[in-house]
Amino acid sequence: MTATGSGRDTPLRLFYALWPDEGVREALQALQARVHGRHIQPGSLHATLAFLGNQPARHLPLLENLLAELPRNAFALQIDRLGYFRKNRIAWAGSHMAPAALTVLQASLSEALGRHHINFDNKKDFKAHITLARDADAPPDLPFEPFTWQVNQVALVQSLQEGSRLAYRVLSSRRLDAAT
C-alpha cells in the first residue's frame, strides 16, 4: 500500500488505533453534542493504541506486518465516561475500567514496537480514550446512557494536515476475531 509522500525516507506521521464501526461513531457523535469545542470529524473518531510520530516510509511494510503479531481476540469496551484533559483542552469519551483484552493488546503492541526498534510515545499509564473535541470546554457532568463498543478492528493510520484540520487515513488494518 502506498502512503502519501514519495520516497523511502519521506516521513509519515503514524499511529495504531482501535477503529470503530458506524454504529459506534453515531453513539460517539451523540456524546459530542454535549461538548463545546472543535469537534473531531465522525470519520476520524478512534482510540489511539500507540502514537509513532514521524516514521520513514521505508518502515511501512514492517509496521503493516506488525498487525499480524498482535493478539487476535475481539473484545467489548464499555464507553461509560466523559473526561477532559485540561492542559490540552481535549474532551474525550472512555471507560472507567479497561478490559483485560485491551490491556494485553496495547502491551503486546508496545513490546513488538520495542522489539523492532520503532520509536513511539510509550506511555506507562496508558488509558484508552476517544477524543471528541479539541479546544474544548470541560464536558458537563451529566449522566448518559453507557454503550458497548465491540472492538473488532486495529488499524495503522496516517495523520495528514488538511488545511487547519487533521485527517486520518487507514493504511492497513486487521480484523479481530469474535470471542470463542
N, C-alpha and C. Protein backbone atom coordinates (compact mmCIF):
# COMPACT_ATOMS: atom_id res chain seq x y z
N MET A 1 0.85 -1.18 0.00
CA MET A 1 0.00 0.00 0.00
C MET A 1 0.89 1.23 0.00
N THR A 2 0.56 2.21 -0.76
CA THR A 2 1.36 3.42 -0.87
C THR A 2 0.78 4.50 0.02
N ALA A 3 1.62 5.12 0.80
CA ALA A 3 1.19 6.21 1.66
C ALA A 3 1.47 7.53 0.96
N THR A 4 0.80 8.56 1.45
CA THR A 4 1.03 9.89 0.90
C THR A 4 2.49 10.26 1.11
N GLY A 5 3.10 10.81 0.08
CA GLY A 5 4.52 11.15 0.12
C GLY A 5 5.25 10.22 -0.82
N SER A 6 6.38 10.65 -1.29
CA SER A 6 7.14 9.79 -2.19
C SER A 6 8.52 9.59 -1.62
N GLY A 7 9.10 8.45 -1.92
CA GLY A 7 10.44 8.16 -1.45
C GLY A 7 10.42 7.36 -0.17
N ARG A 8 11.46 6.55 -0.02
CA ARG A 8 11.54 5.63 1.12
C ARG A 8 11.81 6.34 2.44
N ASP A 9 12.36 7.55 2.39
CA ASP A 9 12.67 8.26 3.63
C ASP A 9 11.70 9.39 3.94
N THR A 10 10.68 9.54 3.12
CA THR A 10 9.66 10.55 3.40
C THR A 10 9.03 10.24 4.76
N PRO A 11 9.02 11.21 5.68
CA PRO A 11 8.42 10.92 6.98
C PRO A 11 6.89 10.86 6.88
N LEU A 12 6.34 9.87 7.53
CA LEU A 12 4.89 9.70 7.63
C LEU A 12 4.52 9.78 9.10
N ARG A 13 3.51 10.57 9.43
CA ARG A 13 3.05 10.69 10.81
C ARG A 13 2.03 9.57 11.04
N LEU A 14 2.38 8.62 11.91
CA LEU A 14 1.62 7.38 12.03
C LEU A 14 1.20 7.07 13.46
N PHE A 15 0.15 6.27 13.58
CA PHE A 15 -0.26 5.73 14.86
C PHE A 15 -1.08 4.46 14.64
N TYR A 16 -1.15 3.64 15.68
CA TYR A 16 -2.03 2.47 15.69
C TYR A 16 -3.26 2.85 16.50
N ALA A 17 -4.43 2.36 16.04
CA ALA A 17 -5.67 2.75 16.71
C ALA A 17 -6.70 1.64 16.65
N LEU A 18 -7.62 1.70 17.60
CA LEU A 18 -8.85 0.93 17.51
C LEU A 18 -9.77 1.76 16.63
N TRP A 19 -10.36 1.12 15.61
CA TRP A 19 -11.13 1.86 14.62
C TRP A 19 -12.59 1.44 14.73
N PRO A 20 -13.48 2.36 15.12
CA PRO A 20 -14.88 1.99 15.37
C PRO A 20 -15.70 1.82 14.09
N ASP A 21 -16.78 1.06 14.23
CA ASP A 21 -17.72 0.91 13.12
C ASP A 21 -18.71 2.08 13.14
N GLU A 22 -19.60 2.10 12.17
CA GLU A 22 -20.53 3.23 12.01
C GLU A 22 -21.45 3.40 13.22
N GLY A 23 -21.94 2.31 13.78
CA GLY A 23 -22.83 2.40 14.94
C GLY A 23 -22.16 3.06 16.13
N VAL A 24 -20.92 2.71 16.38
CA VAL A 24 -20.17 3.32 17.49
C VAL A 24 -19.91 4.79 17.19
N ARG A 25 -19.59 5.10 15.94
CA ARG A 25 -19.37 6.51 15.56
C ARG A 25 -20.63 7.35 15.83
N GLU A 26 -21.80 6.80 15.53
CA GLU A 26 -23.05 7.52 15.78
C GLU A 26 -23.24 7.76 17.28
N ALA A 27 -22.96 6.76 18.10
CA ALA A 27 -23.09 6.93 19.55
C ALA A 27 -22.09 7.98 20.06
N LEU A 28 -20.88 7.98 19.50
CA LEU A 28 -19.88 8.98 19.90
C LEU A 28 -20.31 10.39 19.47
N GLN A 29 -20.94 10.50 18.30
CA GLN A 29 -21.43 11.81 17.86
C GLN A 29 -22.49 12.34 18.82
N ALA A 30 -23.32 11.47 19.36
CA ALA A 30 -24.31 11.91 20.34
C ALA A 30 -23.62 12.48 21.57
N LEU A 31 -22.50 11.89 21.97
CA LEU A 31 -21.74 12.44 23.09
C LEU A 31 -21.08 13.77 22.71
N GLN A 32 -20.63 13.88 21.47
CA GLN A 32 -20.02 15.14 21.02
C GLN A 32 -21.00 16.30 21.17
N ALA A 33 -22.28 16.04 20.98
CA ALA A 33 -23.28 17.10 21.07
C ALA A 33 -23.30 17.74 22.46
N ARG A 34 -22.77 17.06 23.46
CA ARG A 34 -22.73 17.58 24.83
C ARG A 34 -21.51 18.47 25.08
N VAL A 35 -20.60 18.50 24.12
CA VAL A 35 -19.30 19.13 24.32
C VAL A 35 -19.17 20.37 23.43
N HIS A 36 -18.69 21.47 24.02
CA HIS A 36 -18.40 22.68 23.25
C HIS A 36 -16.92 22.69 22.90
N GLY A 37 -16.63 22.82 21.61
CA GLY A 37 -15.25 22.83 21.15
C GLY A 37 -15.20 22.51 19.67
N ARG A 38 -14.01 22.25 19.18
CA ARG A 38 -13.81 21.90 17.77
C ARG A 38 -13.96 20.38 17.66
N HIS A 39 -15.14 19.95 17.22
CA HIS A 39 -15.45 18.52 17.17
C HIS A 39 -14.57 17.78 16.16
N ILE A 40 -14.18 16.57 16.52
CA ILE A 40 -13.47 15.68 15.61
C ILE A 40 -14.48 15.19 14.58
N GLN A 41 -14.07 15.14 13.33
CA GLN A 41 -14.95 14.65 12.27
C GLN A 41 -15.34 13.20 12.57
N PRO A 42 -16.60 12.82 12.32
CA PRO A 42 -17.06 11.47 12.65
C PRO A 42 -16.18 10.36 12.07
N GLY A 43 -15.71 10.53 10.85
CA GLY A 43 -14.87 9.51 10.23
C GLY A 43 -13.48 9.41 10.82
N SER A 44 -13.13 10.35 11.69
CA SER A 44 -11.80 10.36 12.31
C SER A 44 -11.81 9.90 13.76
N LEU A 45 -12.97 9.61 14.32
CA LEU A 45 -13.05 9.17 15.71
C LEU A 45 -12.37 7.81 15.85
N HIS A 46 -11.53 7.67 16.88
CA HIS A 46 -10.76 6.45 17.10
C HIS A 46 -10.19 6.47 18.52
N ALA A 47 -9.62 5.35 18.93
CA ALA A 47 -8.87 5.28 20.19
C ALA A 47 -7.43 4.89 19.86
N THR A 48 -6.50 5.77 20.14
CA THR A 48 -5.09 5.52 19.84
C THR A 48 -4.51 4.47 20.78
N LEU A 49 -3.82 3.49 20.20
CA LEU A 49 -3.09 2.48 20.97
C LEU A 49 -1.63 2.86 21.15
N ALA A 50 -1.03 3.41 20.09
CA ALA A 50 0.38 3.83 20.15
C ALA A 50 0.60 4.90 19.09
N PHE A 51 1.14 6.04 19.52
CA PHE A 51 1.47 7.13 18.60
C PHE A 51 2.94 6.98 18.20
N LEU A 52 3.19 6.83 16.90
CA LEU A 52 4.54 6.61 16.40
C LEU A 52 5.23 7.90 15.97
N GLY A 53 4.46 8.95 15.74
CA GLY A 53 5.05 10.19 15.24
C GLY A 53 5.56 9.99 13.83
N ASN A 54 6.56 10.77 13.45
CA ASN A 54 7.11 10.69 12.09
C ASN A 54 7.99 9.45 11.95
N GLN A 55 7.67 8.64 10.97
CA GLN A 55 8.43 7.42 10.66
C GLN A 55 8.80 7.45 9.19
N PRO A 56 10.00 6.96 8.83
CA PRO A 56 10.36 6.91 7.41
C PRO A 56 9.44 5.95 6.66
N ALA A 57 9.09 6.30 5.44
CA ALA A 57 8.19 5.47 4.63
C ALA A 57 8.72 4.05 4.47
N ARG A 58 10.01 3.87 4.53
CA ARG A 58 10.58 2.53 4.37
C ARG A 58 10.17 1.59 5.51
N HIS A 59 9.72 2.12 6.64
CA HIS A 59 9.25 1.29 7.75
C HIS A 59 7.83 0.78 7.55
N LEU A 60 7.13 1.31 6.56
CA LEU A 60 5.72 0.98 6.39
C LEU A 60 5.45 -0.52 6.27
N PRO A 61 6.18 -1.28 5.44
CA PRO A 61 5.90 -2.73 5.38
C PRO A 61 6.04 -3.42 6.74
N LEU A 62 7.07 -3.09 7.49
CA LEU A 62 7.25 -3.66 8.82
C LEU A 62 6.07 -3.30 9.72
N LEU A 63 5.67 -2.03 9.71
CA LEU A 63 4.59 -1.58 10.58
C LEU A 63 3.26 -2.22 10.19
N GLU A 64 3.03 -2.43 8.91
CA GLU A 64 1.81 -3.12 8.47
C GLU A 64 1.85 -4.58 8.91
N ASN A 65 2.99 -5.24 8.75
CA ASN A 65 3.12 -6.65 9.13
C ASN A 65 3.01 -6.86 10.64
N LEU A 66 3.35 -5.84 11.39
CA LEU A 66 3.28 -5.93 12.84
C LEU A 66 1.86 -6.21 13.33
N LEU A 67 0.87 -5.78 12.57
CA LEU A 67 -0.52 -6.03 12.94
C LEU A 67 -0.78 -7.53 13.14
N ALA A 68 -0.11 -8.37 12.33
CA ALA A 68 -0.30 -9.82 12.42
C ALA A 68 0.29 -10.41 13.69
N GLU A 69 1.17 -9.69 14.37
CA GLU A 69 1.80 -10.18 15.60
C GLU A 69 0.94 -9.93 16.84
N LEU A 70 -0.13 -9.17 16.67
CA LEU A 70 -0.94 -8.77 17.83
C LEU A 70 -1.96 -9.84 18.19
N PRO A 71 -2.43 -9.84 19.45
CA PRO A 71 -3.50 -10.77 19.83
C PRO A 71 -4.69 -10.61 18.89
N ARG A 72 -5.39 -11.70 18.67
CA ARG A 72 -6.45 -11.73 17.65
C ARG A 72 -7.86 -11.60 18.20
N ASN A 73 -8.03 -11.54 19.50
CA ASN A 73 -9.37 -11.59 20.07
C ASN A 73 -10.07 -10.24 20.09
N ALA A 74 -11.29 -10.23 19.56
CA ALA A 74 -12.15 -9.05 19.69
C ALA A 74 -12.56 -8.94 21.17
N PHE A 75 -13.02 -7.76 21.56
CA PHE A 75 -13.43 -7.57 22.95
C PHE A 75 -14.44 -6.44 23.03
N ALA A 76 -15.12 -6.38 24.16
CA ALA A 76 -16.11 -5.33 24.41
C ALA A 76 -15.48 -4.24 25.26
N LEU A 77 -15.66 -2.99 24.84
CA LEU A 77 -15.18 -1.83 25.58
C LEU A 77 -16.39 -0.99 25.96
N GLN A 78 -16.64 -0.89 27.25
CA GLN A 78 -17.78 -0.12 27.74
C GLN A 78 -17.42 1.36 27.73
N ILE A 79 -18.18 2.16 26.99
CA ILE A 79 -17.98 3.62 26.98
C ILE A 79 -18.97 4.19 28.00
N ASP A 80 -18.43 4.59 29.15
CA ASP A 80 -19.29 4.99 30.26
C ASP A 80 -18.79 6.25 30.97
N ARG A 81 -17.91 6.98 30.29
CA ARG A 81 -17.28 8.12 30.98
C ARG A 81 -16.94 9.22 29.99
N LEU A 82 -17.20 10.46 30.38
CA LEU A 82 -16.70 11.63 29.66
C LEU A 82 -15.59 12.24 30.52
N GLY A 83 -14.52 12.66 29.86
CA GLY A 83 -13.41 13.24 30.60
C GLY A 83 -12.84 14.44 29.89
N TYR A 84 -11.82 15.03 30.52
CA TYR A 84 -11.25 16.27 30.00
C TYR A 84 -9.78 16.35 30.36
N PHE A 85 -8.93 16.60 29.37
CA PHE A 85 -7.52 16.88 29.61
C PHE A 85 -7.36 18.40 29.60
N ARG A 86 -7.23 18.99 30.78
CA ARG A 86 -7.19 20.45 30.90
C ARG A 86 -6.04 21.08 30.13
N LYS A 87 -4.85 20.50 30.27
CA LYS A 87 -3.66 21.10 29.66
C LYS A 87 -3.84 21.28 28.15
N ASN A 88 -4.39 20.27 27.49
CA ASN A 88 -4.56 20.33 26.03
C ASN A 88 -5.98 20.71 25.61
N ARG A 89 -6.87 20.92 26.59
CA ARG A 89 -8.27 21.29 26.32
C ARG A 89 -8.94 20.29 25.39
N ILE A 90 -8.83 19.01 25.76
CA ILE A 90 -9.41 17.92 24.97
C ILE A 90 -10.52 17.26 25.77
N ALA A 91 -11.71 17.19 25.16
CA ALA A 91 -12.83 16.45 25.74
C ALA A 91 -12.81 15.05 25.13
N TRP A 92 -13.02 14.04 25.97
CA TRP A 92 -12.91 12.67 25.49
C TRP A 92 -13.97 11.76 26.11
N ALA A 93 -14.16 10.62 25.47
CA ALA A 93 -15.03 9.56 25.99
C ALA A 93 -14.16 8.34 26.25
N GLY A 94 -14.53 7.57 27.26
CA GLY A 94 -13.74 6.39 27.56
C GLY A 94 -14.46 5.48 28.53
N SER A 95 -13.68 4.67 29.21
CA SER A 95 -14.20 3.64 30.09
C SER A 95 -13.59 3.80 31.48
N HIS A 96 -14.40 3.57 32.50
CA HIS A 96 -13.87 3.59 33.86
C HIS A 96 -12.90 2.44 34.10
N MET A 97 -13.13 1.33 33.38
CA MET A 97 -12.27 0.16 33.58
C MET A 97 -11.99 -0.50 32.24
N ALA A 98 -10.72 -0.54 31.88
CA ALA A 98 -10.33 -1.16 30.61
C ALA A 98 -10.42 -2.68 30.73
N PRO A 99 -10.96 -3.34 29.71
CA PRO A 99 -10.98 -4.80 29.74
C PRO A 99 -9.56 -5.36 29.62
N ALA A 100 -9.36 -6.54 30.17
CA ALA A 100 -8.04 -7.17 30.14
C ALA A 100 -7.53 -7.32 28.71
N ALA A 101 -8.42 -7.64 27.78
CA ALA A 101 -8.01 -7.84 26.38
C ALA A 101 -7.41 -6.57 25.79
N LEU A 102 -7.91 -5.40 26.18
CA LEU A 102 -7.35 -4.14 25.69
C LEU A 102 -5.96 -3.93 26.28
N THR A 103 -5.80 -4.19 27.55
CA THR A 103 -4.50 -4.04 28.20
C THR A 103 -3.47 -4.95 27.55
N VAL A 104 -3.86 -6.19 27.27
CA VAL A 104 -2.96 -7.15 26.63
C VAL A 104 -2.62 -6.69 25.22
N LEU A 105 -3.61 -6.22 24.47
CA LEU A 105 -3.38 -5.75 23.10
C LEU A 105 -2.39 -4.60 23.08
N GLN A 106 -2.59 -3.61 23.93
CA GLN A 106 -1.72 -2.44 23.95
C GLN A 106 -0.31 -2.82 24.41
N ALA A 107 -0.21 -3.67 25.42
CA ALA A 107 1.11 -4.11 25.90
C ALA A 107 1.84 -4.92 24.83
N SER A 108 1.11 -5.77 24.11
CA SER A 108 1.71 -6.56 23.03
C SER A 108 2.22 -5.67 21.91
N LEU A 109 1.46 -4.65 21.58
CA LEU A 109 1.88 -3.70 20.55
C LEU A 109 3.14 -2.96 21.00
N SER A 110 3.16 -2.48 22.22
CA SER A 110 4.34 -1.77 22.75
C SER A 110 5.56 -2.67 22.73
N GLU A 111 5.38 -3.92 23.12
CA GLU A 111 6.50 -4.87 23.14
C GLU A 111 7.01 -5.13 21.72
N ALA A 112 6.10 -5.31 20.76
CA ALA A 112 6.50 -5.57 19.37
C ALA A 112 7.22 -4.36 18.78
N LEU A 113 6.74 -3.17 19.05
CA LEU A 113 7.41 -1.96 18.55
C LEU A 113 8.82 -1.86 19.13
N GLY A 114 8.95 -2.13 20.42
CA GLY A 114 10.28 -2.11 21.04
C GLY A 114 11.21 -3.16 20.46
N ARG A 115 10.68 -4.35 20.25
CA ARG A 115 11.48 -5.45 19.69
C ARG A 115 12.01 -5.11 18.30
N HIS A 116 11.22 -4.34 17.54
CA HIS A 116 11.63 -3.94 16.19
C HIS A 116 12.33 -2.58 16.17
N HIS A 117 12.62 -2.03 17.35
CA HIS A 117 13.35 -0.75 17.49
C HIS A 117 12.62 0.40 16.79
N ILE A 118 11.30 0.42 16.92
CA ILE A 118 10.49 1.51 16.38
C ILE A 118 10.22 2.49 17.52
N ASN A 119 10.62 3.74 17.34
CA ASN A 119 10.35 4.77 18.35
C ASN A 119 8.87 5.10 18.36
N PHE A 120 8.33 5.26 19.57
CA PHE A 120 6.93 5.65 19.72
C PHE A 120 6.75 6.28 21.09
N ASP A 121 5.61 6.93 21.28
CA ASP A 121 5.28 7.57 22.54
C ASP A 121 4.79 6.48 23.50
N ASN A 122 5.69 5.95 24.31
CA ASN A 122 5.40 4.82 25.18
C ASN A 122 4.90 5.32 26.52
N LYS A 123 3.60 5.49 26.63
CA LYS A 123 3.01 5.98 27.87
C LYS A 123 2.86 4.82 28.85
N LYS A 124 3.45 4.96 30.00
CA LYS A 124 3.38 3.91 31.02
C LYS A 124 1.98 3.82 31.62
N ASP A 125 1.24 4.90 31.61
CA ASP A 125 -0.10 4.93 32.21
C ASP A 125 -1.17 4.99 31.12
N PHE A 126 -1.07 4.09 30.13
CA PHE A 126 -1.99 4.08 29.00
C PHE A 126 -3.44 4.01 29.49
N LYS A 127 -4.26 4.93 28.96
CA LYS A 127 -5.70 4.93 29.22
C LYS A 127 -6.39 5.17 27.89
N ALA A 128 -7.11 4.16 27.43
CA ALA A 128 -7.81 4.29 26.14
C ALA A 128 -8.87 5.38 26.25
N HIS A 129 -8.92 6.22 25.24
CA HIS A 129 -9.94 7.27 25.17
C HIS A 129 -10.16 7.64 23.71
N ILE A 130 -11.31 8.22 23.45
CA ILE A 130 -11.65 8.71 22.12
C ILE A 130 -11.79 10.22 22.23
N THR A 131 -10.93 10.96 21.53
CA THR A 131 -11.03 12.42 21.55
C THR A 131 -12.31 12.83 20.82
N LEU A 132 -13.15 13.60 21.52
CA LEU A 132 -14.40 14.09 20.93
C LEU A 132 -14.24 15.49 20.36
N ALA A 133 -13.45 16.34 21.07
CA ALA A 133 -13.28 17.73 20.63
C ALA A 133 -11.97 18.28 21.16
N ARG A 134 -11.37 19.16 20.37
CA ARG A 134 -10.17 19.90 20.77
C ARG A 134 -10.59 21.34 21.07
N ASP A 135 -9.70 22.10 21.72
CA ASP A 135 -10.03 23.47 22.12
C ASP A 135 -11.40 23.49 22.79
N ALA A 136 -11.61 22.52 23.66
CA ALA A 136 -12.93 22.28 24.23
C ALA A 136 -13.04 22.84 25.64
N ASP A 137 -14.29 23.07 26.03
CA ASP A 137 -14.61 23.34 27.42
C ASP A 137 -14.79 21.98 28.09
N ALA A 138 -14.64 21.95 29.40
CA ALA A 138 -14.87 20.69 30.13
C ALA A 138 -16.31 20.25 29.89
N PRO A 139 -16.51 18.95 29.59
CA PRO A 139 -17.88 18.50 29.36
C PRO A 139 -18.71 18.59 30.64
N PRO A 140 -19.99 18.87 30.51
CA PRO A 140 -20.84 18.94 31.69
C PRO A 140 -20.93 17.56 32.36
N ASP A 141 -21.06 17.58 33.66
CA ASP A 141 -21.14 16.33 34.41
C ASP A 141 -22.59 15.84 34.42
N LEU A 142 -23.05 15.43 33.25
CA LEU A 142 -24.41 14.94 33.09
C LEU A 142 -24.37 13.45 32.81
N PRO A 143 -25.30 12.70 33.38
CA PRO A 143 -25.31 11.27 33.09
C PRO A 143 -25.67 11.02 31.63
N PHE A 144 -25.17 9.91 31.11
CA PHE A 144 -25.56 9.49 29.76
C PHE A 144 -25.65 7.97 29.77
N GLU A 145 -26.34 7.45 28.79
CA GLU A 145 -26.52 6.01 28.68
C GLU A 145 -25.22 5.38 28.16
N PRO A 146 -24.53 4.60 28.99
CA PRO A 146 -23.31 3.95 28.51
C PRO A 146 -23.63 3.02 27.34
N PHE A 147 -22.64 2.77 26.52
CA PHE A 147 -22.83 1.83 25.41
C PHE A 147 -21.57 0.99 25.27
N THR A 148 -21.72 -0.12 24.58
CA THR A 148 -20.62 -1.06 24.41
C THR A 148 -20.10 -1.00 22.99
N TRP A 149 -18.81 -0.84 22.87
CA TRP A 149 -18.12 -0.88 21.58
C TRP A 149 -17.55 -2.28 21.44
N GLN A 150 -18.04 -3.03 20.48
CA GLN A 150 -17.47 -4.34 20.18
C GLN A 150 -16.24 -4.09 19.31
N VAL A 151 -15.08 -4.05 19.94
CA VAL A 151 -13.84 -3.72 19.24
C VAL A 151 -13.41 -4.92 18.40
N ASN A 152 -13.39 -4.71 17.09
CA ASN A 152 -13.03 -5.82 16.19
C ASN A 152 -12.09 -5.39 15.07
N GLN A 153 -11.46 -4.22 15.22
CA GLN A 153 -10.52 -3.78 14.19
C GLN A 153 -9.40 -2.93 14.81
N VAL A 154 -8.17 -3.27 14.43
CA VAL A 154 -6.99 -2.49 14.79
C VAL A 154 -6.40 -1.97 13.48
N ALA A 155 -5.99 -0.70 13.47
CA ALA A 155 -5.53 -0.09 12.22
C ALA A 155 -4.21 0.64 12.42
N LEU A 156 -3.43 0.67 11.34
CA LEU A 156 -2.26 1.55 11.23
C LEU A 156 -2.75 2.75 10.43
N VAL A 157 -2.61 3.94 11.00
CA VAL A 157 -3.25 5.13 10.45
C VAL A 157 -2.21 6.22 10.21
N GLN A 158 -2.39 6.95 9.11
CA GLN A 158 -1.55 8.10 8.81
C GLN A 158 -2.33 9.36 9.15
N SER A 159 -1.66 10.29 9.81
CA SER A 159 -2.23 11.59 10.15
C SER A 159 -1.75 12.60 9.11
N LEU A 160 -2.70 13.28 8.49
CA LEU A 160 -2.41 14.26 7.44
C LEU A 160 -2.99 15.61 7.81
N GLN A 161 -2.25 16.67 7.52
CA GLN A 161 -2.77 18.02 7.74
C GLN A 161 -3.52 18.45 6.49
N GLU A 162 -4.81 18.74 6.64
CA GLU A 162 -5.63 19.24 5.53
C GLU A 162 -6.18 20.60 5.94
N GLY A 163 -5.50 21.64 5.49
CA GLY A 163 -5.87 22.98 5.92
C GLY A 163 -5.61 23.11 7.41
N SER A 164 -6.63 23.51 8.16
CA SER A 164 -6.47 23.69 9.61
C SER A 164 -6.85 22.42 10.38
N ARG A 165 -7.26 21.38 9.68
CA ARG A 165 -7.72 20.15 10.34
C ARG A 165 -6.77 18.99 10.08
N LEU A 166 -6.77 18.06 11.02
CA LEU A 166 -6.08 16.79 10.81
C LEU A 166 -7.06 15.82 10.16
N ALA A 167 -6.56 15.06 9.22
CA ALA A 167 -7.35 13.99 8.61
C ALA A 167 -6.59 12.69 8.81
N TYR A 168 -7.33 11.61 8.90
CA TYR A 168 -6.71 10.31 9.14
C TYR A 168 -7.02 9.37 8.00
N ARG A 169 -6.01 8.62 7.60
CA ARG A 169 -6.16 7.65 6.52
C ARG A 169 -5.68 6.29 7.01
N VAL A 170 -6.56 5.31 6.97
CA VAL A 170 -6.18 3.95 7.36
C VAL A 170 -5.30 3.38 6.26
N LEU A 171 -4.07 3.00 6.63
CA LEU A 171 -3.13 2.43 5.67
C LEU A 171 -3.24 0.91 5.64
N SER A 172 -3.51 0.34 6.79
CA SER A 172 -3.64 -1.11 6.89
C SER A 172 -4.45 -1.41 8.15
N SER A 173 -5.21 -2.49 8.12
CA SER A 173 -5.99 -2.84 9.30
C SER A 173 -6.11 -4.35 9.41
N ARG A 174 -6.52 -4.77 10.57
CA ARG A 174 -6.71 -6.19 10.83
C ARG A 174 -7.96 -6.39 11.65
N ARG A 175 -8.80 -7.30 11.20
CA ARG A 175 -10.00 -7.66 11.96
C ARG A 175 -9.59 -8.51 13.15
N LEU A 176 -10.28 -8.32 14.24
CA LEU A 176 -10.10 -9.16 15.41
C LEU A 176 -11.21 -10.20 15.41
N ASP A 177 -10.89 -11.39 15.85
CA ASP A 177 -11.85 -12.50 15.84
C ASP A 177 -12.84 -12.36 16.98
N ALA A 178 -14.07 -12.81 16.73
CA ALA A 178 -15.07 -12.84 17.78
C ALA A 178 -14.62 -13.81 18.86
N ALA A 179 -14.99 -13.51 20.09
CA ALA A 179 -14.62 -14.38 21.21
C ALA A 179 -15.23 -15.76 21.01
N THR A 180 -14.46 -16.76 21.40
CA THR A 180 -14.95 -18.13 21.24
C THR A 180 -15.31 -18.74 22.57
